[in-house]
């Protein structure tokens, strides 16, 4: 999974709930406070869009923010997931 795809998902789903990132790279919207399992699987990490992307006026700013990208990568990797940055175009 690419870090920038995670940022896009956070941006697109902001205000709808949190984003659960699963071991297979899937991302789903879950209600605030969700910490449980779905189909007997636990998410790697649950990311809160409002805390991570609310401060940016435009998606492009979030996609280029090194601190945001690093924060997301660190959280996913610490949970045992794999994430890389997409090449800059």
N, C-alpha and C. Protein backbone atom coordinates (compact mmCIF):
# COMPACT_ATOMS: atom_id res chain seq x y z
N UNK A 1 0.85 -1.17 0.00
CA UNK A 1 0.00 0.00 0.00
C UNK A 1 0.89 1.23 0.00
N UNK A 2 0.42 2.27 -0.62
CA UNK A 2 1.17 3.53 -0.67
C UNK A 2 0.65 4.50 0.40
N UNK A 3 1.57 5.18 1.03
CA UNK A 3 1.23 6.16 2.05
C UNK A 3 0.26 7.21 1.51
N UNK A 4 0.50 7.66 0.29
CA UNK A 4 -0.36 8.70 -0.29
C UNK A 4 -1.80 8.20 -0.48
N UNK A 5 -1.97 6.90 -0.73
CA UNK A 5 -3.33 6.35 -0.83
C UNK A 5 -4.04 6.40 0.52
N UNK A 6 -3.29 6.20 1.58
CA UNK A 6 -3.86 6.31 2.92
C UNK A 6 -4.30 7.75 3.17
N UNK A 7 -3.45 8.70 2.80
CA UNK A 7 -3.79 10.12 2.99
C UNK A 7 -5.05 10.47 2.19
N UNK A 8 -5.15 9.99 0.96
CA UNK A 8 -6.34 10.25 0.14
C UNK A 8 -7.60 9.69 0.80
N UNK A 9 -7.49 8.48 1.33
CA UNK A 9 -8.64 7.85 2.00
C UNK A 9 -9.03 8.66 3.24
N UNK A 10 -8.05 9.08 4.02
CA UNK A 10 -8.34 9.91 5.18
C UNK A 10 -9.04 11.19 4.77
N UNK A 11 -8.56 11.81 3.72
CA UNK A 11 -9.13 13.07 3.22
C UNK A 11 -10.57 12.84 2.73
N UNK A 12 -10.76 11.82 1.92
CA UNK A 12 -12.08 11.55 1.33
C UNK A 12 -13.13 11.18 2.37
N UNK A 13 -12.72 10.49 3.42
CA UNK A 13 -13.67 9.99 4.41
C UNK A 13 -13.74 10.86 5.66
N UNK A 14 -13.03 11.97 5.66
CA UNK A 14 -13.04 12.86 6.81
C UNK A 14 -14.47 13.25 7.16
N UNK A 15 -14.82 13.10 8.41
CA UNK A 15 -16.16 13.43 8.88
C UNK A 15 -17.13 12.25 8.83
N UNK A 16 -16.72 11.14 8.25
CA UNK A 16 -17.59 9.96 8.15
C UNK A 16 -17.25 8.90 9.18
N UNK A 17 -16.11 9.03 9.82
CA UNK A 17 -15.65 8.04 10.79
C UNK A 17 -14.14 7.93 10.73
N UNK A 18 -13.62 6.90 11.34
CA UNK A 18 -12.18 6.65 11.33
C UNK A 18 -11.86 5.64 10.24
N UNK A 19 -10.58 5.49 9.95
CA UNK A 19 -10.15 4.55 8.91
C UNK A 19 -9.37 3.39 9.55
N UNK A 20 -9.90 2.19 9.35
CA UNK A 20 -9.21 0.98 9.79
C UNK A 20 -8.34 0.50 8.64
N UNK A 21 -7.07 0.27 8.93
CA UNK A 21 -6.14 -0.26 7.93
C UNK A 21 -5.90 -1.73 8.29
N UNK A 22 -6.15 -2.60 7.31
CA UNK A 22 -6.07 -4.04 7.53
C UNK A 22 -4.76 -4.60 6.98
N UNK A 23 -4.40 -5.77 7.44
CA UNK A 23 -3.14 -6.41 7.06
C UNK A 23 -3.00 -6.57 5.55
N UNK A 24 -4.12 -6.81 4.85
CA UNK A 24 -4.07 -6.99 3.40
C UNK A 24 -4.01 -5.68 2.63
N UNK A 25 -3.94 -4.55 3.35
CA UNK A 25 -3.86 -3.24 2.71
C UNK A 25 -5.21 -2.57 2.50
N UNK A 26 -6.28 -3.27 2.79
CA UNK A 26 -7.61 -2.67 2.65
C UNK A 26 -7.81 -1.59 3.72
N UNK A 27 -8.62 -0.61 3.38
CA UNK A 27 -8.96 0.46 4.31
C UNK A 27 -10.46 0.61 4.33
N UNK A 28 -11.04 0.63 5.53
CA UNK A 28 -12.48 0.77 5.65
C UNK A 28 -12.82 1.84 6.67
N UNK A 29 -13.99 2.44 6.50
CA UNK A 29 -14.48 3.42 7.45
C UNK A 29 -15.11 2.65 8.62
N UNK A 30 -14.74 3.04 9.82
CA UNK A 30 -15.32 2.45 11.03
C UNK A 30 -15.83 3.58 11.91
N UNK A 31 -16.82 3.32 12.73
CA UNK A 31 -17.35 4.38 13.59
C UNK A 31 -16.33 4.83 14.63
N UNK A 32 -16.43 6.07 15.08
CA UNK A 32 -15.55 6.54 16.15
C UNK A 32 -15.66 5.60 17.35
N UNK A 33 -14.55 5.32 17.97
CA UNK A 33 -14.55 4.44 19.13
C UNK A 33 -14.43 2.96 18.79
N UNK A 34 -14.44 2.61 17.52
CA UNK A 34 -14.32 1.22 17.11
C UNK A 34 -12.94 0.69 17.46
N UNK A 35 -12.89 -0.43 18.15
CA UNK A 35 -11.61 -1.06 18.48
C UNK A 35 -11.70 -2.57 18.31
N UNK A 36 -12.82 -3.03 17.84
CA UNK A 36 -13.08 -4.46 17.79
C UNK A 36 -12.60 -5.16 16.54
N UNK A 37 -13.21 -6.30 16.32
CA UNK A 37 -12.86 -7.15 15.20
C UNK A 37 -14.00 -7.16 14.20
N UNK A 38 -13.66 -7.42 12.96
CA UNK A 38 -14.63 -7.62 11.90
C UNK A 38 -14.30 -8.94 11.24
N UNK A 39 -15.26 -9.81 11.16
CA UNK A 39 -15.03 -11.15 10.59
C UNK A 39 -13.83 -11.83 11.24
N UNK A 40 -13.73 -11.69 12.57
CA UNK A 40 -12.68 -12.30 13.37
C UNK A 40 -11.28 -11.78 13.03
N UNK A 41 -11.19 -10.63 12.42
CA UNK A 41 -9.90 -10.01 12.11
C UNK A 41 -9.84 -8.65 12.79
N UNK A 42 -8.68 -8.33 13.33
CA UNK A 42 -8.46 -7.02 13.92
C UNK A 42 -7.68 -6.15 12.95
N UNK A 43 -8.02 -4.88 12.85
CA UNK A 43 -7.23 -4.00 11.99
C UNK A 43 -5.83 -3.79 12.56
N UNK A 44 -4.89 -3.50 11.68
CA UNK A 44 -3.54 -3.16 12.12
C UNK A 44 -3.56 -1.88 12.95
N UNK A 45 -4.26 -0.90 12.42
CA UNK A 45 -4.28 0.42 13.05
C UNK A 45 -5.57 1.12 12.66
N UNK A 46 -6.03 1.99 13.53
CA UNK A 46 -7.18 2.83 13.22
C UNK A 46 -6.68 4.27 13.22
N UNK A 47 -6.87 4.93 12.08
CA UNK A 47 -6.42 6.31 11.91
C UNK A 47 -7.60 7.26 11.99
N UNK A 48 -7.39 8.40 12.59
CA UNK A 48 -8.45 9.40 12.77
C UNK A 48 -8.25 10.54 11.78
N UNK A 49 -9.08 10.60 10.75
CA UNK A 49 -8.91 11.63 9.72
C UNK A 49 -8.89 13.05 10.26
N UNK A 50 -9.78 13.36 11.18
CA UNK A 50 -9.86 14.74 11.66
C UNK A 50 -8.58 15.18 12.35
N UNK A 51 -7.92 14.28 13.04
CA UNK A 51 -6.66 14.63 13.71
C UNK A 51 -5.50 14.73 12.73
N UNK A 52 -5.57 13.94 11.66
CA UNK A 52 -4.42 13.88 10.75
C UNK A 52 -4.50 14.85 9.58
N UNK A 53 -5.66 15.05 8.99
CA UNK A 53 -5.72 15.86 7.77
C UNK A 53 -6.55 17.14 7.88
N UNK A 54 -7.20 17.37 9.00
CA UNK A 54 -8.06 18.55 9.14
C UNK A 54 -7.31 19.86 8.99
N UNK A 55 -6.05 19.88 9.36
CA UNK A 55 -5.30 21.14 9.34
C UNK A 55 -4.89 21.61 7.95
N UNK A 56 -5.08 20.77 6.94
CA UNK A 56 -4.68 21.12 5.58
C UNK A 56 -5.85 21.71 4.80
N UNK A 57 -5.58 22.79 4.08
CA UNK A 57 -6.61 23.42 3.26
C UNK A 57 -6.88 22.65 1.98
N UNK A 58 -5.86 21.96 1.48
CA UNK A 58 -5.99 21.23 0.22
C UNK A 58 -5.33 19.86 0.35
N UNK A 59 -5.86 18.90 -0.36
CA UNK A 59 -5.31 17.54 -0.36
C UNK A 59 -3.85 17.54 -0.77
N UNK A 60 -3.48 18.34 -1.75
CA UNK A 60 -2.09 18.37 -2.22
C UNK A 60 -1.12 18.75 -1.10
N UNK A 61 -1.55 19.61 -0.19
CA UNK A 61 -0.69 19.99 0.93
C UNK A 61 -0.46 18.78 1.84
N UNK A 62 -1.52 18.02 2.10
CA UNK A 62 -1.40 16.83 2.94
C UNK A 62 -0.51 15.79 2.28
N UNK A 63 -0.67 15.61 0.98
CA UNK A 63 0.11 14.60 0.25
C UNK A 63 1.61 14.92 0.23
N UNK A 64 1.95 16.19 0.40
CA UNK A 64 3.36 16.61 0.34
C UNK A 64 3.98 16.82 1.71
N UNK A 65 3.21 16.66 2.77
CA UNK A 65 3.72 16.93 4.12
C UNK A 65 4.53 15.73 4.64
N UNK A 66 5.83 15.92 4.77
CA UNK A 66 6.73 14.85 5.21
C UNK A 66 6.37 14.34 6.59
N UNK A 67 6.00 15.23 7.48
CA UNK A 67 5.66 14.82 8.85
C UNK A 67 4.42 13.93 8.86
N UNK A 68 3.40 14.30 8.12
CA UNK A 68 2.18 13.49 8.05
C UNK A 68 2.48 12.13 7.45
N UNK A 69 3.21 12.11 6.33
CA UNK A 69 3.53 10.84 5.68
C UNK A 69 4.34 9.94 6.61
N UNK A 70 5.31 10.50 7.30
CA UNK A 70 6.14 9.73 8.24
C UNK A 70 5.31 9.19 9.40
N UNK A 71 4.41 10.01 9.92
CA UNK A 71 3.56 9.58 11.04
C UNK A 71 2.71 8.38 10.64
N UNK A 72 2.10 8.44 9.49
CA UNK A 72 1.28 7.33 9.01
C UNK A 72 2.13 6.08 8.80
N UNK A 73 3.28 6.24 8.16
CA UNK A 73 4.17 5.11 7.92
C UNK A 73 4.63 4.46 9.21
N UNK A 74 5.00 5.26 10.18
CA UNK A 74 5.47 4.74 11.46
C UNK A 74 4.38 3.95 12.17
N UNK A 75 3.17 4.47 12.16
CA UNK A 75 2.07 3.78 12.86
C UNK A 75 1.74 2.45 12.19
N UNK A 76 1.71 2.43 10.87
CA UNK A 76 1.38 1.18 10.16
C UNK A 76 2.51 0.16 10.34
N UNK A 77 3.73 0.60 10.21
CA UNK A 77 4.87 -0.33 10.36
C UNK A 77 4.98 -0.86 11.80
N UNK A 78 4.73 0.00 12.78
CA UNK A 78 4.78 -0.42 14.18
C UNK A 78 3.75 -1.50 14.48
N UNK A 79 2.67 -1.51 13.72
CA UNK A 79 1.61 -2.51 13.90
C UNK A 79 1.87 -3.77 13.06
N UNK A 80 2.98 -3.78 12.32
CA UNK A 80 3.31 -4.96 11.53
C UNK A 80 2.90 -4.90 10.07
N UNK A 81 2.42 -3.75 9.63
CA UNK A 81 2.01 -3.59 8.24
C UNK A 81 3.13 -3.12 7.34
N UNK A 82 2.87 -3.16 6.06
CA UNK A 82 3.85 -2.70 5.07
C UNK A 82 3.26 -1.52 4.33
N UNK A 83 4.03 -0.46 4.22
CA UNK A 83 3.61 0.75 3.52
C UNK A 83 4.84 1.41 2.92
N UNK A 84 4.68 1.96 1.72
CA UNK A 84 5.77 2.68 1.05
C UNK A 84 5.22 3.95 0.45
N UNK A 85 6.10 4.87 0.19
CA UNK A 85 5.68 6.10 -0.48
C UNK A 85 5.67 5.89 -1.98
N UNK A 86 4.66 6.44 -2.60
CA UNK A 86 4.58 6.40 -4.06
C UNK A 86 5.66 7.31 -4.61
N UNK A 87 6.22 6.96 -5.76
CA UNK A 87 7.21 7.85 -6.37
C UNK A 87 6.59 9.19 -6.71
N UNK A 88 7.36 10.23 -6.55
CA UNK A 88 6.87 11.58 -6.92
C UNK A 88 6.86 11.70 -8.43
N UNK A 89 5.82 12.31 -8.91
CA UNK A 89 5.71 12.49 -10.38
C UNK A 89 5.90 13.92 -10.76
